[in-house]
Structure formats: C-alpha cells, structure tokens
Protein backbone atom coordinates (compact mmCIF):
# COMPACT_ATOMS: atom_id res chain seq x y z
CA MET A 1 -12.83 -32.93 -18.72
CA PRO A 2 -9.22 -34.20 -16.48
CA ARG A 3 -7.71 -32.07 -14.27
CA ILE A 4 -3.30 -31.83 -15.06
CA VAL A 5 -0.66 -30.80 -12.22
CA ILE A 6 2.72 -30.47 -13.90
CA THR A 7 5.15 -29.48 -11.01
CA HIS A 8 9.12 -28.97 -11.83
CA ALA A 9 11.55 -26.27 -10.47
CA VAL A 10 12.03 -23.76 -11.19
CA GLN A 11 15.28 -20.78 -11.27
CA ASP A 12 13.83 -18.13 -9.43
CA VAL A 13 10.34 -18.44 -7.80
CA ASP A 14 9.08 -14.64 -9.32
CA ARG A 15 10.39 -14.88 -12.82
CA TRP A 16 7.95 -17.69 -12.80
CA LEU A 17 5.12 -15.87 -11.60
CA TRP A 18 6.24 -12.89 -14.07
CA GLY A 19 4.84 -15.53 -16.62
CA LYS A 20 1.53 -17.01 -15.07
CA THR A 21 -0.61 -14.30 -17.61
CA GLU A 22 0.76 -16.04 -20.89
CA ARG A 23 0.72 -19.61 -19.66
CA PRO A 24 -2.76 -20.86 -20.55
CA ALA A 25 -1.98 -19.28 -24.20
CA GLY A 26 1.28 -21.88 -24.17
CA LEU A 27 -0.61 -25.09 -22.13
CA PRO A 28 -3.78 -26.03 -25.68
CA GLY A 29 -7.27 -26.90 -24.78
CA ALA A 30 -6.52 -25.66 -21.11
CA THR A 31 -9.03 -24.11 -18.74
CA GLU A 32 -8.41 -23.24 -15.00
CA VAL A 33 -5.29 -22.78 -15.23
CA THR A 34 -3.87 -22.07 -11.85
CA ASP A 35 -0.26 -21.31 -10.81
CA LEU A 36 0.82 -22.89 -7.28
CA VAL A 37 4.55 -22.32 -5.30
CA ALA A 38 6.05 -24.10 -2.68
CA LEU A 39 4.85 -23.17 1.13
CA ASP A 40 8.55 -23.70 2.18
CA GLY A 41 9.83 -21.60 0.02
CA SER A 42 11.93 -23.70 -2.45
CA ARG A 43 12.36 -22.92 -5.93
CA HIS A 44 9.40 -25.80 -7.00
CA ALA A 45 6.32 -24.99 -8.46
CA ALA A 46 3.16 -26.40 -10.33
CA VAL A 47 0.87 -25.31 -12.91
CA MET A 48 -2.69 -26.87 -12.05
CA PHE A 49 -5.63 -27.28 -15.34
CA ASP A 50 -8.66 -28.68 -17.02
CA ILE A 51 -7.33 -29.80 -20.00
CA ASP A 52 -9.94 -30.58 -22.97
CA ASP A 53 -8.52 -33.27 -25.16
CA LEU A 54 -6.12 -36.08 -22.69
CA GLU A 55 -4.45 -37.90 -26.09
CA ALA A 56 -3.50 -34.89 -27.93
CA PHE A 57 -2.41 -33.46 -24.86
CA LYS A 58 -0.42 -36.97 -24.01
CA ALA A 59 1.29 -36.06 -28.32
CA LEU A 60 2.18 -32.41 -27.48
CA LEU A 61 4.03 -33.69 -24.21
CA SER A 62 6.17 -36.39 -26.11
CA SER A 63 6.89 -33.62 -28.59
CA VAL A 64 6.78 -30.70 -27.40
CA PRO A 65 7.13 -27.60 -29.38
CA PRO A 66 9.40 -25.25 -30.33
CA GLU A 67 7.53 -22.23 -28.48
CA MET A 68 6.39 -24.14 -25.67
CA ALA A 69 9.70 -25.12 -24.52
CA ALA A 70 10.93 -21.51 -25.31
CA GLN A 71 8.49 -20.43 -23.16
CA ALA A 72 9.17 -22.42 -20.52
CA GLU A 73 12.86 -21.60 -20.39
CA SER A 74 12.03 -17.69 -20.86
CA HIS A 75 10.14 -18.21 -17.38
CA GLY A 76 12.98 -20.26 -15.99
CA VAL A 77 11.37 -23.80 -15.42
CA ILE A 78 13.84 -26.55 -15.31
CA MET A 79 13.57 -30.15 -16.01
CA PRO A 80 12.47 -32.86 -15.15
CA MET A 81 8.59 -31.79 -15.43
CA THR A 82 6.41 -34.44 -13.56
CA VAL A 83 2.39 -34.43 -15.15
CA TYR A 84 0.30 -36.00 -13.08
CA VAL A 85 -3.55 -36.50 -13.98
CA GLU A 86 -7.00 -36.49 -12.27
CA ALA A 87 -7.70 -40.49 -11.58
C-alpha cells in the first residue's frame, strides 16, 4: 500500500486543523491519515496517508470531484497542492 504526502499552503492553520476529522472521509481508500503542520510556524501543511488503489487515486486527482474541492476550500487549502508518492 503506497504512502502519499500532499503538501499545500493554508489560509489559517487552526481552521485547517479544525477539518482534521473530515479528511479521511474525503480521501476514498485512504488509511492512517495524518495531518502535519510546518514547524517554522508558517501556513504550510501536509496530509500523509496510505492508499489502497494508487491508480484510482491518480484518476481522482486528474478530475477532482466537486465535494472534494468544496472540502478543501472549507478547510482553507490554498492551491496548488503537491502530491508525493512513496518510492
């Protein structure tokens, strides 16, 4: 099961952390979802998780569903996002 890390800026770290409990449901097939914030106090954040179907996840990213985009917006995510996959 590959591990994924998504990094991005956020409008407000506390607002982003408020959405922590909603994130797993917004990432279909994700397990072990962990939120990370920048140690330097900046507004940079990351989500790390394992994904059961990497190809399905890639397809999801190529055409982000409206509900996923709405969740990111409500959590204060600032695009773009950078997606990393465990090598």
